[in-house]
Protein backbone atom coordinates (compact mmCIF):
# COMPACT_ATOMS: atom_id res chain seq x y z
CA UNK A 1 87.93 79.67 101.06
CA UNK A 2 85.57 81.75 98.96
CA UNK A 3 85.72 85.34 97.80
CA UNK A 4 82.27 86.68 96.98
CA UNK A 5 80.63 89.99 96.19
CA UNK A 6 77.30 90.15 97.98
CA UNK A 7 74.10 91.93 96.95
CA UNK A 8 75.16 95.03 98.93
CA UNK A 9 78.38 95.34 96.90
CA UNK A 10 80.62 94.19 99.76
CA UNK A 11 83.54 91.83 99.07
CA UNK A 12 83.66 88.94 101.52
CA UNK A 13 86.46 86.46 102.19
CA UNK A 14 84.83 83.42 103.77
CA UNK A 15 86.81 80.61 105.38
CA UNK A 16 86.00 76.88 105.17
CA UNK A 17 85.40 76.36 108.88
CA UNK A 18 82.02 75.86 110.54
CA UNK A 19 80.60 78.23 111.45
CA UNK A 20 82.24 80.21 108.69
CA UNK A 21 84.27 83.29 109.56
CA UNK A 22 84.29 86.28 107.24
CA UNK A 23 86.37 89.34 106.56
CA UNK A 24 84.23 91.96 104.88
CA UNK A 25 85.42 94.86 102.74
CA UNK A 26 82.55 97.37 102.61
CA UNK A 27 83.08 100.15 100.03
CA UNK A 28 81.49 103.56 100.43
CA UNK A 29 82.65 106.09 97.86
CA UNK A 30 86.45 106.34 98.36
CA UNK A 31 86.41 104.67 101.81
CA UNK A 32 86.59 100.96 102.59
CA UNK A 33 85.45 99.62 105.96
CA UNK A 34 86.99 96.31 106.96
CA UNK A 35 85.41 94.17 109.65
CA UNK A 36 84.93 90.61 110.83
CA UNK A 37 81.69 88.65 110.76
CA UNK A 38 80.49 85.09 111.28
CA UNK A 39 77.96 82.72 109.74
CA UNK A 40 76.96 81.93 113.34
CA UNK A 41 73.93 84.18 113.91
CA UNK A 42 74.66 84.77 117.61
CA UNK A 43 78.26 85.79 116.89
CA UNK A 44 77.21 87.93 113.94
CA UNK A 45 74.79 89.87 116.16
CA UNK A 46 77.56 90.43 118.72
CA UNK A 47 79.97 91.64 116.02
CA UNK A 48 77.29 93.97 114.67
CA UNK A 49 76.62 95.38 118.14
CA UNK A 50 80.31 96.34 118.44
CA UNK A 51 80.01 98.63 115.42
CA UNK A 52 83.78 98.35 115.05
CA UNK A 53 85.66 98.47 111.79
CA UNK A 54 88.94 99.67 110.36
CA UNK A 55 88.57 102.51 107.84
CA UNK A 56 90.87 103.04 104.86
CA UNK A 57 90.84 104.99 101.64
CA UNK A 58 90.51 102.80 98.58
CA UNK A 59 94.15 103.52 97.62
CA UNK A 60 95.40 102.70 101.15
CA UNK A 61 93.68 99.30 101.31
CA UNK A 62 94.91 98.36 97.82
CA UNK A 63 98.49 99.29 98.76
CA UNK A 64 98.23 97.45 102.08
CA UNK A 65 96.88 94.29 100.47
CA UNK A 66 99.67 94.37 97.88
CA UNK A 67 102.18 94.51 100.76
CA UNK A 68 100.42 91.63 102.54
CA UNK A 69 100.63 89.52 99.36
CA UNK A 70 104.32 90.36 98.92
CA UNK A 71 105.16 89.50 102.53
CA UNK A 72 103.19 86.24 102.46
CA UNK A 73 104.93 85.19 99.25
CA UNK A 74 108.34 85.96 100.78
CA UNK A 75 107.50 83.88 103.84
CA UNK A 76 106.54 80.89 101.70
CA UNK A 77 109.79 80.84 99.71
């Protein structure tokens, strides 16, 4: 797994599978769009055509990710 910040300022979590899958956090002012993408060009084009994302305020996504981390840690204990 990699976490990268691309040239557009988006944060990407990229898995180790081939073709790679991605979860992209795309900041715009106080809003963060979250969507899925793929390193497979054909799939990426299909994802892009959907124009579908989840929209959160910056504070909401930070709080949600903190909860995800907490729950995942509890499940691994």
